[in-house]
């Protein structure tokens, strides 16, 4: 989803309520609302998939769960816990861009 930052017609800003001719081209400046901000990488190890989804999307981070891989014999996927994640917190990487995806591996 995008937000309209500005609408222009012939180089002039179009404001709400302005009357414009039908069929003219309007230039829109759009934003994804994410900017270039970064957020802390959450540690999802030991969480279930549902818990990880809540942890990733919480606050203003807008992170999401990407690829989900199940490893080994899984009897009940709702009880499987995360054993690996990518990206993960390390000495050199502690932040990622808002809206990023975190890939996870679950096992029982």
PDB file of N, CA and C in Angstrom:
ATOM      1  N   UNK A   1       0.845  -1.164   0.000  1.00  0.00           N
ATOM      2  CA  UNK A   1       0.000   0.000   0.000  1.00  0.00           C
ATOM      3  C   UNK A   1       0.900   1.240   0.000  1.00  0.00           C
ATOM      4  N   UNK A   2       0.483   2.246  -0.745  1.00  0.00           N
ATOM      5  CA  UNK A   2       1.261   3.466  -0.856  1.00  0.00           C
ATOM      6  C   UNK A   2       0.442   4.660  -0.388  1.00  0.00           C
ATOM      7  N   UNK A   3       1.134   5.689   0.034  1.00  0.00           N
ATOM      8  CA  UNK A   3       0.503   6.946   0.422  1.00  0.00           C
ATOM      9  C   UNK A   3       0.863   8.004  -0.604  1.00  0.00           C
ATOM     10  N   UNK A   4      -0.095   8.871  -0.921  1.00  0.00           N
ATOM     11  CA  UNK A   4       0.156   9.972  -1.844  1.00  0.00           C
ATOM     12  C   UNK A   4       0.738  11.122  -1.034  1.00  0.00           C
ATOM     13  N   UNK A   5       1.959  11.493  -1.370  1.00  0.00           N
ATOM     14  CA  UNK A   5       2.609  12.613  -0.689  1.00  0.00           C
ATOM     15  C   UNK A   5       2.247  13.935  -1.337  1.00  0.00           C
ATOM     16  N   UNK A   6       2.114  13.906  -2.682  1.00  0.00           N
ATOM     17  CA  UNK A   6       1.811  15.146  -3.400  1.00  0.00           C
ATOM     18  C   UNK A   6       1.209  14.804  -4.750  1.00  0.00           C
ATOM     19  N   UNK A   7       0.287  15.641  -5.201  1.00  0.00           N
ATOM     20  CA  UNK A   7      -0.286  15.533  -6.545  1.00  0.00           C
ATOM     21  C   UNK A   7      -0.028  16.859  -7.247  1.00  0.00           C
ATOM     22  N   UNK A   8       0.487  16.794  -8.490  1.00  0.00           N
ATOM     23  CA  UNK A   8       0.761  18.032  -9.233  1.00  0.00           C
ATOM     24  C   UNK A   8       0.147  17.965 -10.621  1.00  0.00           C
ATOM     25  N   UNK A   9      -0.217  19.137 -11.119  1.00  0.00           N
ATOM     26  CA  UNK A   9      -0.749  19.302 -12.464  1.00  0.00           C
ATOM     27  C   UNK A   9      -0.015  20.471 -13.094  1.00  0.00           C
ATOM     28  N   UNK A  10       0.716  20.206 -14.157  1.00  0.00           N
ATOM     29  CA  UNK A  10       1.528  21.225 -14.826  1.00  0.00           C
ATOM     30  C   UNK A  10       2.479  21.911 -13.849  1.00  0.00           C
ATOM     31  N   UNK A  11       3.057  21.143 -12.935  1.00  0.00           N
ATOM     32  CA  UNK A  11       4.036  21.677 -11.999  1.00  0.00           C
ATOM     33  C   UNK A  11       3.460  22.365 -10.776  1.00  0.00           C
ATOM     34  N   UNK A  12       2.134  22.469 -10.685  1.00  0.00           N
ATOM     35  CA  UNK A  12       1.500  23.112  -9.537  1.00  0.00           C
ATOM     36  C   UNK A  12       0.789  22.071  -8.683  1.00  0.00           C
ATOM     37  N   UNK A  13       0.869  22.241  -7.368  1.00  0.00           N
ATOM     38  CA  UNK A  13       0.262  21.290  -6.443  1.00  0.00           C
ATOM     39  C   UNK A  13      -1.253  21.308  -6.559  1.00  0.00           C
ATOM     40  N   UNK A  14      -1.845  20.113  -6.613  1.00  0.00           N
ATOM     41  CA  UNK A  14      -3.299  19.958  -6.610  1.00  0.00           C
ATOM     42  C   UNK A  14      -3.718  19.690  -5.171  1.00  0.00           C
ATOM     43  N   UNK A  15      -4.690  20.460  -4.692  1.00  0.00           N
ATOM     44  CA  UNK A  15      -5.163  20.328  -3.316  1.00  0.00           C
ATOM     45  C   UNK A  15      -6.533  19.668  -3.299  1.00  0.00           C
ATOM     46  N   UNK A  16      -6.882  19.067  -2.160  1.00  0.00           N
ATOM     47  CA  UNK A  16      -8.216  18.480  -2.005  1.00  0.00           C
ATOM     48  C   UNK A  16      -9.264  19.535  -2.307  1.00  0.00           C
ATOM     49  N   UNK A  17     -10.235  19.177  -3.141  1.00  0.00           N
ATOM     50  CA  UNK A  17     -11.313  20.107  -3.476  1.00  0.00           C
ATOM     51  C   UNK A  17     -11.064  20.908  -4.746  1.00  0.00           C
ATOM     52  N   UNK A  18      -9.810  20.909  -5.265  1.00  0.00           N
ATOM     53  CA  UNK A  18      -9.527  21.622  -6.518  1.00  0.00           C
ATOM     54  C   UNK A  18     -10.307  20.976  -7.662  1.00  0.00           C
ATOM     55  N   UNK A  19     -10.825  21.801  -8.553  1.00  0.00           N
ATOM     56  CA  UNK A  19     -11.527  21.305  -9.735  1.00  0.00           C
ATOM     57  C   UNK A  19     -10.513  21.209 -10.865  1.00  0.00           C
ATOM     58  N   UNK A  20     -10.426  20.022 -11.461  1.00  0.00           N
ATOM     59  CA  UNK A  20      -9.489  19.818 -12.573  1.00  0.00           C
ATOM     60  C   UNK A  20     -10.243  19.202 -13.744  1.00  0.00           C
ATOM     61  N   UNK A  21      -9.791  19.499 -14.974  1.00  0.00           N
ATOM     62  CA  UNK A  21     -10.471  18.971 -16.152  1.00  0.00           C
ATOM     63  C   UNK A  21     -10.355  17.447 -16.246  1.00  0.00           C
ATOM     64  N   UNK A  22     -11.398  16.830 -16.747  1.00  0.00           N
ATOM     65  CA  UNK A  22     -11.406  15.386 -16.946  1.00  0.00           C
ATOM     66  C   UNK A  22     -10.378  15.013 -18.022  1.00  0.00           C
ATOM     67  N   UNK A  23      -9.619  13.930 -17.768  1.00  0.00           N
ATOM     68  CA  UNK A  23      -8.686  13.405 -18.749  1.00  0.00           C
ATOM     69  C   UNK A  23      -7.280  13.971 -18.686  1.00  0.00           C
ATOM     70  N   UNK A  24      -7.023  14.927 -17.798  1.00  0.00           N
ATOM     71  CA  UNK A  24      -5.667  15.470 -17.706  1.00  0.00           C
ATOM     72  C   UNK A  24      -4.779  14.511 -16.917  1.00  0.00           C
ATOM     73  N   UNK A  25      -3.489  14.621 -17.134  1.00  0.00           N
ATOM     74  CA  UNK A  25      -2.522  13.786 -16.436  1.00  0.00           C
ATOM     75  C   UNK A  25      -2.079  14.494 -15.168  1.00  0.00           C
ATOM     76  N   UNK A  26      -2.177  13.791 -14.058  1.00  0.00           N
ATOM     77  CA  UNK A  26      -1.726  14.307 -12.770  1.00  0.00           C
ATOM     78  C   UNK A  26      -0.522  13.484 -12.339  1.00  0.00           C
ATOM     79  N   UNK A  27       0.516  14.154 -11.891  1.00  0.00           N
ATOM     80  CA  UNK A  27       1.697  13.452 -11.380  1.00  0.00           C
ATOM     81  C   UNK A  27       1.529  13.230  -9.883  1.00  0.00           C
ATOM     82  N   UNK A  28       1.761  11.986  -9.456  1.00  0.00           N
ATOM     83  CA  UNK A  28       1.660  11.649  -8.041  1.00  0.00           C
ATOM     84  C   UNK A  28       3.038  11.297  -7.497  1.00  0.00           C
ATOM     85  N   UNK A  29       3.340  11.808  -6.317  1.00  0.00           N
ATOM     86  CA  UNK A  29       4.542  11.417  -5.590  1.00  0.00           C
ATOM     87  C   UNK A  29       4.070  10.470  -4.499  1.00  0.00           C
ATOM     88  N   UNK A  30       4.554   9.211  -4.565  1.00  0.00           N
ATOM     89  CA  UNK A  30       4.097   8.171  -3.658  1.00  0.00           C
ATOM     90  C   UNK A  30       5.173   7.781  -2.661  1.00  0.00           C
ATOM     91  N   UNK A  31       4.735   7.220  -1.536  1.00  0.00           N
ATOM     92  CA  UNK A  31       5.642   6.730  -0.513  1.00  0.00           C
ATOM     93  C   UNK A  31       5.119   5.404   0.003  1.00  0.00           C
ATOM     94  N   UNK A  32       6.046   4.495   0.327  1.00  0.00           N
ATOM     95  CA  UNK A  32       5.618   3.243   0.945  1.00  0.00           C
ATOM     96  C   UNK A  32       5.502   3.403   2.453  1.00  0.00           C
ATOM     97  N   UNK A  33       5.834   4.576   2.961  1.00  0.00           N
ATOM     98  CA  UNK A  33       5.706   4.857   4.379  1.00  0.00           C
ATOM     99  C   UNK A  33       6.812   4.281   5.229  1.00  0.00           C
ATOM    100  N   UNK A  34       7.753   3.604   4.601  1.00  0.00           N
ATOM    101  CA  UNK A  34       8.808   2.940   5.358  1.00  0.00           C
ATOM    102  C   UNK A  34      10.056   3.795   5.483  1.00  0.00           C
ATOM    103  N   UNK A  35      10.299   4.612   4.482  1.00  0.00           N
ATOM    104  CA  UNK A  35      11.505   5.429   4.503  1.00  0.00           C
ATOM    105  C   UNK A  35      12.748   4.556   4.554  1.00  0.00           C
ATOM    106  N   UNK A  36      13.786   5.064   5.163  1.00  0.00           N
ATOM    107  CA  UNK A  36      15.019   4.292   5.251  1.00  0.00           C
ATOM    108  C   UNK A  36      15.317   3.915   6.693  1.00  0.00           C
ATOM    109  N   UNK A  37      14.265   3.929   7.522  1.00  0.00           N
ATOM    110  CA  UNK A  37      14.441   3.632   8.943  1.00  0.00           C
ATOM    111  C   UNK A  37      14.744   2.155   9.165  1.00  0.00           C
ATOM    112  N   UNK A  38      15.460   1.892  10.243  1.00  0.00           N
ATOM    113  CA  UNK A  38      15.802   0.525  10.606  1.00  0.00           C
ATOM    114  C   UNK A  38      15.265   0.229  12.001  1.00  0.00           C
ATOM    115  N   UNK A  39      15.023  -1.060  12.253  1.00  0.00           N
ATOM    116  CA  UNK A  39      14.536  -1.513  13.551  1.00  0.00           C
ATOM    117  C   UNK A  39      15.401  -2.666  14.032  1.00  0.00           C
ATOM    118  N   UNK A  40      15.345  -2.925  15.329  1.00  0.00           N
ATOM    119  CA  UNK A  40      16.084  -4.051  15.896  1.00  0.00           C
ATOM    120  C   UNK A  40      15.546  -5.368  15.345  1.00  0.00           C
ATOM    121  N   UNK A  41      16.434  -6.309  15.105  1.00  0.00           N
ATOM    122  CA  UNK A  41      16.028  -7.649  14.693  1.00  0.00           C
ATOM    123  C   UNK A  41      15.523  -8.373  15.938  1.00  0.00           C
ATOM    124  N   UNK A  42      14.284  -8.864  15.910  1.00  0.00           N
ATOM    125  CA  UNK A  42      13.789  -9.592  17.080  1.00  0.00           C
ATOM    126  C   UNK A  42      14.397 -10.995  17.130  1.00  0.00           C
ATOM    127  N   UNK A  43      14.632 -11.502  18.335  1.00  0.00           N
ATOM    128  CA  UNK A  43      15.101 -12.877  18.498  1.00  0.00           C
ATOM    129  C   UNK A  43      13.867 -13.762  18.561  1.00  0.00           C
ATOM    130  N   UNK A  44      13.643 -14.557  17.520  1.00  0.00           N
ATOM    131  CA  UNK A  44      12.452 -15.396  17.419  1.00  0.00           C
ATOM    132  C   UNK A  44      12.717 -16.844  17.843  1.00  0.00           C
ATOM    133  N   UNK A  45      13.956 -17.165  18.178  1.00  0.00           N
ATOM    134  CA  UNK A  45      14.315 -18.535  18.545  1.00  0.00           C
ATOM    135  C   UNK A  45      13.488 -18.973  19.764  1.00  0.00           C
ATOM    136  N   UNK A  46      12.884 -20.169  19.643  1.00  0.00           N
ATOM    137  CA  UNK A  46      12.091 -20.726  20.732  1.00  0.00           C
ATOM    138  C   UNK A  46      10.610 -20.379  20.660  1.00  0.00           C
ATOM    139  N   UNK A  47      10.228 -19.490  19.745  1.00  0.00           N
ATOM    140  CA  UNK A  47       8.824 -19.107  19.611  1.00  0.00           C
ATOM    141  C   UNK A  47       8.110 -20.018  18.616  1.00  0.00           C
ATOM    142  N   UNK A  48       6.793 -20.139  18.758  1.00  0.00           N
ATOM    143  CA  UNK A  48       5.989 -20.836  17.761  1.00  0.00           C
ATOM    144  C   UNK A  48       5.782 -19.883  16.577  1.00  0.00           C
ATOM    145  N   UNK A  49       5.214 -20.393  15.498  1.00  0.00           N
ATOM    146  CA  UNK A  49       4.972 -19.557  14.321  1.00  0.00           C
ATOM    147  C   UNK A  49       4.027 -18.405  14.659  1.00  0.00           C
ATOM    148  N   UNK A  50       2.955 -18.693  15.384  1.00  0.00           N
ATOM    149  CA  UNK A  50       2.008 -17.622  15.745  1.00  0.00           C
ATOM    150  C   UNK A  50       2.666 -16.573  16.633  1.00  0.00           C
ATOM    151  N   UNK A  51       3.465 -17.004  17.602  1.00  0.00           N
ATOM    152  CA  UNK A  51       4.161 -16.064  18.470  1.00  0.00           C
ATOM    153  C   UNK A  51       5.142 -15.213  17.667  1.00  0.00           C
ATOM    154  N   UNK A  52       5.816 -15.833  16.704  1.00  0.00           N
ATOM    155  CA  UNK A  52       6.788 -15.114  15.876  1.00  0.00           C
ATOM    156  C   UNK A  52       6.100 -14.062  15.010  1.00  0.00           C
ATOM    157  N   UNK A  53       4.950 -14.397  14.465  1.00  0.00           N
ATOM    158  CA  UNK A  53       4.210 -13.422  13.658  1.00  0.00           C
ATOM    159  C   UNK A  53       3.833 -12.199  14.483  1.00  0.00           C
ATOM    160  N   UNK A  54       3.390 -12.422  15.705  1.00  0.00           N
ATOM    161  CA  UNK A  54       3.045 -11.305  16.591  1.00  0.00           C
ATOM    162  C   UNK A  54       4.279 -10.482  16.945  1.00  0.00           C
ATOM    163  N   UNK A  55       5.376 -11.169  17.265  1.00  0.00           N
ATOM    164  CA  UNK A  55       6.606 -10.466  17.646  1.00  0.00           C
ATOM    165  C   UNK A  55       7.166  -9.652  16.481  1.00  0.00           C
ATOM    166  N   UNK A  56       7.095 -10.190  15.276  1.00  0.00           N
ATOM    167  CA  UNK A  56       7.661  -9.514  14.107  1.00  0.00           C
ATOM    168  C   UNK A  56       6.845  -8.291  13.709  1.00  0.00           C
ATOM    169  N   UNK A  57       5.554  -8.393  13.799  1.00  0.00           N
ATOM    170  CA  UNK A  57       4.706  -7.285  13.331  1.00  0.00           C
ATOM    171  C   UNK A  57       4.422  -6.252  14.411  1.00  0.00           C
ATOM    172  N   UNK A  58       4.835  -6.506  15.636  1.00  0.00           N
ATOM    173  CA  UNK A  58       4.542  -5.607  16.741  1.00  0.00           C
ATOM    174  C   UNK A  58       5.201  -4.250  16.612  1.00  0.00           C
ATOM    175  N   UNK A  59       4.609  -3.275  17.275  1.00  0.00           N
ATOM    176  CA  UNK A  59       5.169  -1.921  17.268  1.00  0.00           C
ATOM    177  C   UNK A  59       5.104  -1.305  15.888  1.00  0.00           C
ATOM    178  N   UNK A  60       6.115  -0.518  15.560  1.00  0.00           N
ATOM    179  CA  UNK A  60       6.136   0.163  14.265  1.00  0.00           C
ATOM    180  C   UNK A  60       7.118  -0.493  13.300  1.00  0.00           C
ATOM    181  N   UNK A  61       7.556  -1.715  13.622  1.00  0.00           N
ATOM    182  CA  UNK A  61       8.575  -2.370  12.801  1.00  0.00           C
ATOM    183  C   UNK A  61       8.035  -2.882  11.475  1.00  0.00           C
ATOM    184  N   UNK A  62       6.775  -3.273  11.440  1.00  0.00           N
ATOM    185  CA  UNK A  62       6.153  -3.808  10.228  1.00  0.00           C
ATOM    186  C   UNK A  62       6.969  -4.935   9.608  1.00  0.00           C
ATOM    187  N   UNK A  63       7.662  -5.716  10.418  1.00  0.00           N
ATOM    188  CA  UNK A  63       8.382  -6.875   9.911  1.00  0.00           C
ATOM    189  C   UNK A  63       7.380  -7.991   9.666  1.00  0.00           C
ATOM    190  N   UNK A  64       7.756  -8.938   8.837  1.00  0.00           N
ATOM    191  CA  UNK A  64       6.870 -10.065   8.582  1.00  0.00           C
ATOM    192  C   UNK A  64       7.688 -11.347   8.496  1.00  0.00           C
ATOM    193  N   UNK A  65       6.986 -12.453   8.586  1.00  0.00           N
ATOM    194  CA  UNK A  65       7.623 -13.756   8.458  1.00  0.00           C
ATOM    195  C   UNK A  65       7.676 -14.096   6.974  1.00  0.00           C
ATOM    196  N   UNK A  66       8.849 -14.457   6.512  1.00  0.00           N
ATOM    197  CA  UNK A  66       9.039 -14.817   5.105  1.00  0.00           C
ATOM    198  C   UNK A  66       8.873 -16.309   4.907  1.00  0.00           C
ATOM    199  N   UNK A  67       9.931 -16.982   4.456  1.00  0.00           N
ATOM    200  CA  UNK A  67       9.889 -18.420   4.220  1.00  0.00           C
ATOM    201  C   UNK A  67       9.783 -19.160   5.541  1.00  0.00           C
ATOM    202  N   UNK A  68       8.919 -20.178   5.569  1.00  0.00           N
ATOM    203  CA  UNK A  68       8.742 -21.015   6.751  1.00  0.00           C
ATOM    204  C   UNK A  68       9.105 -22.438   6.357  1.00  0.00           C
ATOM    205  N   UNK A  69      10.124 -22.990   7.014  1.00  0.00           N
ATOM    206  CA  UNK A  69      10.584 -24.346   6.715  1.00  0.00           C
ATOM    207  C   UNK A  69      10.450 -25.185   7.976  1.00  0.00           C
ATOM    208  N   UNK A  70       9.909 -26.389   7.818  1.00  0.00           N
ATOM    209  CA  UNK A  70       9.808 -27.331   8.930  1.00  0.00           C
ATOM    210  C   UNK A  70      10.910 -28.360   8.776  1.00  0.00           C
ATOM    211  N   UNK A  71      11.625 -28.612   9.850  1.00  0.00           N
ATOM    212  CA  UNK A  71      12.754 -29.537   9.822  1.00  0.00           C
ATOM    213  C   UNK A  71      12.456 -30.724  10.729  1.00  0.00           C
ATOM    214  N   UNK A  72      12.717 -31.925  10.228  1.00  0.00           N
ATOM    215  CA  UNK A  72      12.497 -33.129  11.028  1.00  0.00           C
ATOM    216  C   UNK A  72      11.040 -33.554  11.018  1.00  0.00           C
ATOM    217  N   UNK A  73      10.736 -34.503  11.877  1.00  0.00           N
ATOM    218  CA  UNK A  73       9.393 -35.047  11.990  1.00  0.00           C
ATOM    219  C   UNK A  73       8.539 -34.110  12.847  1.00  0.00           C
ATOM    220  N   UNK A  74       7.466 -33.593  12.257  1.00  0.00           N
ATOM    221  CA  UNK A  74       6.588 -32.649  12.949  1.00  0.00           C
ATOM    222  C   UNK A  74       5.229 -33.322  13.150  1.00  0.00           C
ATOM    223  N   UNK A  75       4.844 -33.518  14.390  1.00  0.00           N
ATOM    224  CA  UNK A  75       3.547 -34.121  14.693  1.00  0.00           C
ATOM    225  C   UNK A  75       2.454 -33.067  14.800  1.00  0.00           C
ATOM    226  N   UNK A  76       2.791 -31.896  15.347  1.00  0.00           N
ATOM    227  CA  UNK A  76       1.819 -30.828  15.539  1.00  0.00           C
ATOM    228  C   UNK A  76       2.500 -29.497  15.202  1.00  0.00           C
ATOM    229  N   UNK A  77       2.172 -28.935  14.047  1.00  0.00           N
ATOM    230  CA  UNK A  77       2.851 -27.713  13.602  1.00  0.00           C
ATOM    231  C   UNK A  77       2.617 -26.541  14.554  1.00  0.00           C
ATOM    232  N   UNK A  78       1.505 -26.556  15.283  1.00  0.00           N
ATOM    233  CA  UNK A  78       1.243 -25.443  16.204  1.00  0.00           C
ATOM    234  C   UNK A  78       2.174 -25.463  17.414  1.00  0.00           C
ATOM    235  N   UNK A  79       2.835 -26.612  17.665  1.00  0.00           N
ATOM    236  CA  UNK A  79       3.747 -26.713  18.799  1.00  0.00           C
ATOM    237  C   UNK A  79       5.214 -26.679  18.376  1.00  0.00           C
ATOM    238  N   UNK A  80       5.459 -26.626  17.073  1.00  0.00           N
ATOM    239  CA  UNK A  80       6.843 -26.525  16.582  1.00  0.00           C
ATOM    240  C   UNK A  80       7.399 -25.157  16.945  1.00  0.00           C
ATOM    241  N   UNK A  81       8.689 -25.096  17.263  1.00  0.00           N
ATOM    242  CA  UNK A  81       9.317 -23.830  17.641  1.00  0.00           C
ATOM    243  C   UNK A  81      10.449 -23.487  16.677  1.00  0.00           C
ATOM    244  N   UNK A  82      10.760 -22.225  16.621  1.00  0.00           N
ATOM    245  CA  UNK A  82      11.802 -21.740  15.714  1.00  0.00           C
ATOM    246  C   UNK A  82      13.171 -22.126  16.264  1.00  0.00           C
ATOM    247  N   UNK A  83      13.977 -22.750  15.392  1.00  0.00           N
ATOM    248  CA  UNK A  83      15.335 -23.137  15.780  1.00  0.00           C
ATOM    249  C   UNK A  83      16.389 -22.302  15.050  1.00  0.00           C
ATOM    250  N   UNK A  84      15.988 -21.669  13.932  1.00  0.00           N
ATOM    251  CA  UNK A  84      16.893 -20.779  13.197  1.00  0.00           C
ATOM    252  C   UNK A  84      16.074 -19.670  12.550  1.00  0.00           C
ATOM    253  N   UNK A  85      16.721 -18.523  12.368  1.00  0.00           N
ATOM    254  CA  UNK A  85      16.088 -17.423  11.659  1.00  0.00           C
ATOM    255  C   UNK A  85      17.130 -16.695  10.828  1.00  0.00           C
ATOM    256  N   UNK A  86      16.668 -16.069   9.762  1.00  0.00           N
ATOM    257  CA  UNK A  86      17.560 -15.297   8.905  1.00  0.00           C
ATOM    258  C   UNK A  86      16.797 -14.065   8.429  1.00  0.00           C
ATOM    259  N   UNK A  87      17.250 -12.865   8.703  1.00  0.00           N
ATOM    260  CA  UNK A  87      18.491 -12.537   9.397  1.00  0.00           C
ATOM    261  C   UNK A  87      18.370 -12.790  10.901  1.00  0.00           C
ATOM    262  N   UNK A  88      19.515 -12.968  11.524  1.00  0.00           N
ATOM    263  CA  UNK A  88      19.578 -13.180  12.963  1.00  0.00           C
ATOM    264  C   UNK A  88      20.481 -12.131  13.576  1.00  0.00           C
ATOM    265  N   UNK A  89      20.306 -11.912  14.853  1.00  0.00           N
ATOM    266  CA  UNK A  89      21.131 -10.928  15.558  1.00  0.00           C
ATOM    267  C   UNK A  89      22.545 -11.479  15.677  1.00  0.00           C
ATOM    268  N   UNK A  90      23.519 -10.675  15.292  1.00  0.00           N
ATOM    269  CA  UNK A  90      24.922 -11.073  15.408  1.00  0.00           C
ATOM    270  C   UNK A  90      25.730  -9.869  15.888  1.00  0.00           C
ATOM    271  N   UNK A  91      27.024 -10.075  16.025  1.00  0.00           N
ATOM    272  CA  UNK A  91      27.886  -8.968  16.442  1.00  0.00           C
ATOM    273  C   UNK A  91      27.904  -7.842  15.418  1.00  0.00           C
ATOM    274  N   UNK A  92      27.667  -8.190  14.144  1.00  0.00           N
ATOM    275  CA  UNK A  92      27.751  -7.181  13.094  1.00  0.00           C
ATOM    276  C   UNK A  92      26.392  -6.743  12.556  1.00  0.00           C
ATOM    277  N   UNK A  93      25.334  -7.487  12.868  1.00  0.00           N
ATOM    278  CA  UNK A  93      24.016  -7.156  12.334  1.00  0.00           C
ATOM    279  C   UNK A  93      22.994  -7.175  13.463  1.00  0.00           C
ATOM    280  N   UNK A  94      22.480  -6.020  13.818  1.00  0.00           N
ATOM    281  CA  UNK A  94      21.470  -5.940  14.881  1.00  0.00           C
ATOM    282  C   UNK A  94      20.206  -5.218  14.418  1.00  0.00           C
ATOM    283  N   UNK A  95      20.260  -4.592  13.238  1.00  0.00           N
ATOM    284  CA  UNK A  95      19.112  -3.848  12.729  1.00  0.00           C
ATOM    285  C   UNK A  95      18.842  -4.226  11.277  1.00  0.00           C
ATOM    286  N   UNK A  96      17.569  -4.122  10.890  1.00  0.00           N
ATOM    287  CA  UNK A  96      17.164  -4.331   9.501  1.00  0.00           C
ATOM    288  C   UNK A  96      16.148  -3.257   9.133  1.00  0.00           C
ATOM    289  N   UNK A  97      15.910  -3.107   7.855  1.00  0.00           N
ATOM    290  CA  UNK A  97      14.982  -2.077   7.367  1.00  0.00           C
ATOM    291  C   UNK A  97      13.554  -2.405   7.786  1.00  0.00           C
ATOM    292  N   UNK A  98      12.806  -1.374   8.111  1.00  0.00           N
ATOM    293  CA  UNK A  98      11.381  -1.538   8.415  1.00  0.00           C
ATOM    294  C   UNK A  98      10.724  -2.248   7.231  1.00  0.00           C
ATOM    295  N   UNK A  99       9.841  -3.196   7.535  1.00  0.00           N
ATOM    296  CA  UNK A  99       9.123  -3.919   6.487  1.00  0.00           C
ATOM    297  C   UNK A  99       9.841  -5.146   5.972  1.00  0.00           C
ATOM    298  N   UNK A 100      11.019  -5.449   6.490  1.00  0.00           N
ATOM    299  CA  UNK A 100      11.769  -6.621   6.029  1.00  0.00           C
ATOM    300  C   UNK A 100      11.066  -7.919   6.422  1.00  0.00           C
ATOM    301  N   UNK A 101      11.498  -8.998   5.768  1.00  0.00           N
ATOM    302  CA  UNK A 101      10.971 -10.332   6.063  1.00  0.00           C
ATOM    303  C   UNK A 101      12.030 -11.139   6.794  1.00  0.00           C
ATOM    304  N   UNK A 102      11.582 -11.974   7.714  1.00  0.00           N
ATOM    305  CA  UNK A 102      12.481 -12.860   8.450  1.00  0.00           C
ATOM    306  C   UNK A 102      12.109 -14.296   8.092  1.00  0.00           C
ATOM    307  N   UNK A 103      13.068 -15.043   7.536  1.00  0.00           N
ATOM    308  CA  UNK A 103      12.864 -16.438   7.204  1.00  0.00           C
ATOM    309  C   UNK A 103      13.149 -17.288   8.435  1.00  0.00           C
ATOM    310  N   UNK A 104      12.341 -18.341   8.629  1.00  0.00           N
ATOM    311  CA  UNK A 104      12.491 -19.144   9.834  1.00  0.00           C
ATOM    312  C   UNK A 104      12.487 -20.634   9.532  1.00  0.00           C
ATOM    313  N   UNK A 105      13.109 -21.404  10.442  1.00  0.00           N
ATOM    314  CA  UNK A 105      13.094 -22.867  10.411  1.00  0.00           C
ATOM    315  C   UNK A 105      12.515 -23.334  11.736  1.00  0.00           C
ATOM    316  N   UNK A 106      11.505 -24.203  11.677  1.00  0.00           N
ATOM    317  CA  UNK A 106      10.864 -24.723  12.886  1.00  0.00           C
ATOM    318  C   UNK A 106      11.112 -26.215  13.027  1.00  0.00           C
ATOM    319  N   UNK A 107      11.146 -26.669  14.263  1.00  0.00           N
ATOM    320  CA  UNK A 107      11.308 -28.088  14.577  1.00  0.00           C
ATOM    321  C   UNK A 107      10.531 -28.384  15.837  1.00  0.00           C
ATOM    322  N   UNK A 108      10.345 -29.698  16.111  1.00  0.00           N
ATOM    323  CA  UNK A 108       9.577 -30.062  17.295  1.00  0.00           C
ATOM    324  C   UNK A 108      10.448 -30.568  18.405  1.00  0.00           C
TER     325      UNK A 108
END
